[in-house]
Amino acid sequence: MSTAVSTANTSKTDGVLVIAVAAIIVALWAVGIAIY
């Protein structure tokens, strides 16, 4: 039971990290467009 919960938490954390990385990439891209 605890293993399943741990796996679910890990998956959720990975999802948040992926979203954060994507947001950073989009932000950097937007800044690059603004500079040019």
PDB file of N, CA and C in Angstrom:
ATOM      1  N   MET A   1       0.840  -1.195   0.000  1.00  0.00           N
ATOM      2  CA  MET A   1       0.000   0.000   0.000  1.00  0.00           C
ATOM      3  C   MET A   1       0.881   1.253   0.000  1.00  0.00           C
ATOM      4  N   SER A   2       1.845   1.267   0.909  1.00  0.00           N
ATOM      5  CA  SER A   2       2.715   2.439   0.995  1.00  0.00           C
ATOM      6  C   SER A   2       3.533   2.586  -0.290  1.00  0.00           C
ATOM      7  N   THR A   3       3.879   1.445  -0.908  1.00  0.00           N
ATOM      8  CA  THR A   3       4.652   1.495  -2.153  1.00  0.00           C
ATOM      9  C   THR A   3       3.829   2.168  -3.250  1.00  0.00           C
ATOM     10  N   ALA A   4       2.547   1.840  -3.316  1.00  0.00           N
ATOM     11  CA  ALA A   4       1.676   2.426  -4.332  1.00  0.00           C
ATOM     12  C   ALA A   4       1.564   3.933  -4.104  1.00  0.00           C
ATOM     13  N   VAL A   5       1.420   4.329  -2.853  1.00  0.00           N
ATOM     14  CA  VAL A   5       1.306   5.756  -2.534  1.00  0.00           C
ATOM     15  C   VAL A   5       2.603   6.461  -2.902  1.00  0.00           C
ATOM     16  N   SER A   6       3.730   5.825  -2.586  1.00  0.00           N
ATOM     17  CA  SER A   6       5.035   6.414  -2.895  1.00  0.00           C
ATOM     18  C   SER A   6       5.185   6.588  -4.399  1.00  0.00           C
ATOM     19  N   THR A   7       4.761   5.585  -5.163  1.00  0.00           N
ATOM     20  CA  THR A   7       4.859   5.656  -6.616  1.00  0.00           C
ATOM     21  C   THR A   7       3.983   6.790  -7.146  1.00  0.00           C
ATOM     22  N   ALA A   8       2.776   6.922  -6.583  1.00  0.00           N
ATOM     23  CA  ALA A   8       1.861   7.972  -7.024  1.00  0.00           C
ATOM     24  C   ALA A   8       2.472   9.340  -6.738  1.00  0.00           C
ATOM     25  N   ASN A   9       3.062   9.499  -5.568  1.00  0.00           N
ATOM     26  CA  ASN A   9       3.677  10.779  -5.211  1.00  0.00           C
ATOM     27  C   ASN A   9       4.841  11.080  -6.144  1.00  0.00           C
ATOM     28  N   THR A  10       5.630  10.058  -6.470  1.00  0.00           N
ATOM     29  CA  THR A  10       6.776  10.254  -7.362  1.00  0.00           C
ATOM     30  C   THR A  10       6.294  10.688  -8.742  1.00  0.00           C
ATOM     31  N   SER A  11       5.247  10.045  -9.241  1.00  0.00           N
ATOM     32  CA  SER A  11       4.725  10.381 -10.561  1.00  0.00           C
ATOM     33  C   SER A  11       4.220  11.820 -10.561  1.00  0.00           C
ATOM     34  N   LYS A  12       3.528  12.202  -9.484  1.00  0.00           N
ATOM     35  CA  LYS A  12       2.991  13.556  -9.394  1.00  0.00           C
ATOM     36  C   LYS A  12       4.140  14.568  -9.374  1.00  0.00           C
ATOM     37  N   THR A  13       5.187  14.258  -8.618  1.00  0.00           N
ATOM     38  CA  THR A  13       6.343  15.155  -8.528  1.00  0.00           C
ATOM     39  C   THR A  13       7.012  15.281  -9.888  1.00  0.00           C
ATOM     40  N   ASP A  14       7.175  14.158 -10.594  1.00  0.00           N
ATOM     41  CA  ASP A  14       7.789  14.183 -11.921  1.00  0.00           C
ATOM     42  C   ASP A  14       6.964  15.072 -12.854  1.00  0.00           C
ATOM     43  N   GLY A  15       5.651  14.977 -12.749  1.00  0.00           N
ATOM     44  CA  GLY A  15       4.782  15.784 -13.596  1.00  0.00           C
ATOM     45  C   GLY A  15       4.997  17.265 -13.334  1.00  0.00           C
ATOM     46  N   VAL A  16       5.115  17.618 -12.053  1.00  0.00           N
ATOM     47  CA  VAL A  16       5.328  19.023 -11.684  1.00  0.00           C
ATOM     48  C   VAL A  16       6.667  19.499 -12.223  1.00  0.00           C
ATOM     49  N   LEU A  17       7.693  18.644 -12.124  1.00  0.00           N
ATOM     50  CA  LEU A  17       9.027  19.016 -12.622  1.00  0.00           C
ATOM     51  C   LEU A  17       8.982  19.235 -14.125  1.00  0.00           C
ATOM     52  N   VAL A  18       8.284  18.349 -14.831  1.00  0.00           N
ATOM     53  CA  VAL A  18       8.182  18.482 -16.291  1.00  0.00           C
ATOM     54  C   VAL A  18       7.495  19.795 -16.650  1.00  0.00           C
ATOM     55  N   ILE A  19       6.413  20.116 -15.925  1.00  0.00           N
ATOM     56  CA  ILE A  19       5.684  21.362 -16.185  1.00  0.00           C
ATOM     57  C   ILE A  19       6.577  22.566 -15.895  1.00  0.00           C
ATOM     58  N   ALA A  20       7.345  22.483 -14.795  1.00  0.00           N
ATOM     59  CA  ALA A  20       8.230  23.590 -14.415  1.00  0.00           C
ATOM     60  C   ALA A  20       9.296  23.808 -15.485  1.00  0.00           C
ATOM     61  N   VAL A  21       9.895  22.709 -15.957  1.00  0.00           N
ATOM     62  CA  VAL A  21      10.932  22.810 -16.993  1.00  0.00           C
ATOM     63  C   VAL A  21      10.334  23.395 -18.267  1.00  0.00           C
ATOM     64  N   ALA A  22       9.144  22.936 -18.639  1.00  0.00           N
ATOM     65  CA  ALA A  22       8.494  23.440 -19.845  1.00  0.00           C
ATOM     66  C   ALA A  22       8.206  24.933 -19.701  1.00  0.00           C
ATOM     67  N   ALA A  23       7.761  25.346 -18.516  1.00  0.00           N
ATOM     68  CA  ALA A  23       7.459  26.761 -18.280  1.00  0.00           C
ATOM     69  C   ALA A  23       8.723  27.603 -18.404  1.00  0.00           C
ATOM     70  N   ILE A  24       9.841  27.083 -17.881  1.00  0.00           N
ATOM     71  CA  ILE A  24      11.115  27.804 -17.954  1.00  0.00           C
ATOM     72  C   ILE A  24      11.552  27.948 -19.412  1.00  0.00           C
ATOM     73  N   ILE A  25      11.420  26.851 -20.180  1.00  0.00           N
ATOM     74  CA  ILE A  25      11.810  26.884 -21.592  1.00  0.00           C
ATOM     75  C   ILE A  25      10.964  27.908 -22.346  1.00  0.00           C
ATOM     76  N   VAL A  26       9.665  27.898 -22.102  1.00  0.00           N
ATOM     77  CA  VAL A  26       8.768  28.845 -22.773  1.00  0.00           C
ATOM     78  C   VAL A  26       9.124  30.273 -22.375  1.00  0.00           C
ATOM     79  N   ALA A  27       9.443  30.482 -21.091  1.00  0.00           N
ATOM     80  CA  ALA A  27       9.798  31.822 -20.614  1.00  0.00           C
ATOM     81  C   ALA A  27      11.076  32.303 -21.297  1.00  0.00           C
ATOM     82  N   LEU A  28      12.078  31.415 -21.381  1.00  0.00           N
ATOM     83  CA  LEU A  28      13.343  31.781 -22.031  1.00  0.00           C
ATOM     84  C   LEU A  28      13.106  32.098 -23.504  1.00  0.00           C
ATOM     85  N   TRP A  29      12.242  31.297 -24.155  1.00  0.00           N
ATOM     86  CA  TRP A  29      11.931  31.516 -25.564  1.00  0.00           C
ATOM     87  C   TRP A  29      11.250  32.873 -25.736  1.00  0.00           C
ATOM     88  N   ALA A  30      10.308  33.192 -24.852  1.00  0.00           N
ATOM     89  CA  ALA A  30       9.586  34.466 -24.921  1.00  0.00           C
ATOM     90  C   ALA A  30      10.556  35.630 -24.731  1.00  0.00           C
ATOM     91  N   VAL A  31      11.497  35.487 -23.798  1.00  0.00           N
ATOM     92  CA  VAL A  31      12.491  36.542 -23.555  1.00  0.00           C
ATOM     93  C   VAL A  31      13.364  36.710 -24.796  1.00  0.00           C
ATOM     94  N   GLY A  32      13.746  35.585 -25.408  1.00  0.00           N
ATOM     95  CA  GLY A  32      14.563  35.650 -26.619  1.00  0.00           C
ATOM     96  C   GLY A  32      13.826  36.384 -27.725  1.00  0.00           C
ATOM     97  N   ILE A  33      12.540  36.132 -27.876  1.00  0.00           N
ATOM     98  CA  ILE A  33      11.738  36.813 -28.896  1.00  0.00           C
ATOM     99  C   ILE A  33      11.675  38.305 -28.572  1.00  0.00           C
ATOM    100  N   ALA A  34      11.500  38.638 -27.299  1.00  0.00           N
ATOM    101  CA  ALA A  34      11.400  40.041 -26.882  1.00  0.00           C
ATOM    102  C   ALA A  34      12.707  40.778 -27.162  1.00  0.00           C
ATOM    103  N   ILE A  35      13.831  40.105 -26.918  1.00  0.00           N
ATOM    104  CA  ILE A  35      15.143  40.730 -27.146  1.00  0.00           C
ATOM    105  C   ILE A  35      15.341  41.002 -28.633  1.00  0.00           C
ATOM    106  N   TYR A  36      14.963  40.025 -29.454  1.00  0.00           N
ATOM    107  CA  TYR A  36      15.110  40.214 -30.888  1.00  0.00           C
ATOM    108  C   TYR A  36      13.920  40.992 -31.448  1.00  0.00           C
TER     109      TYR A  36
END
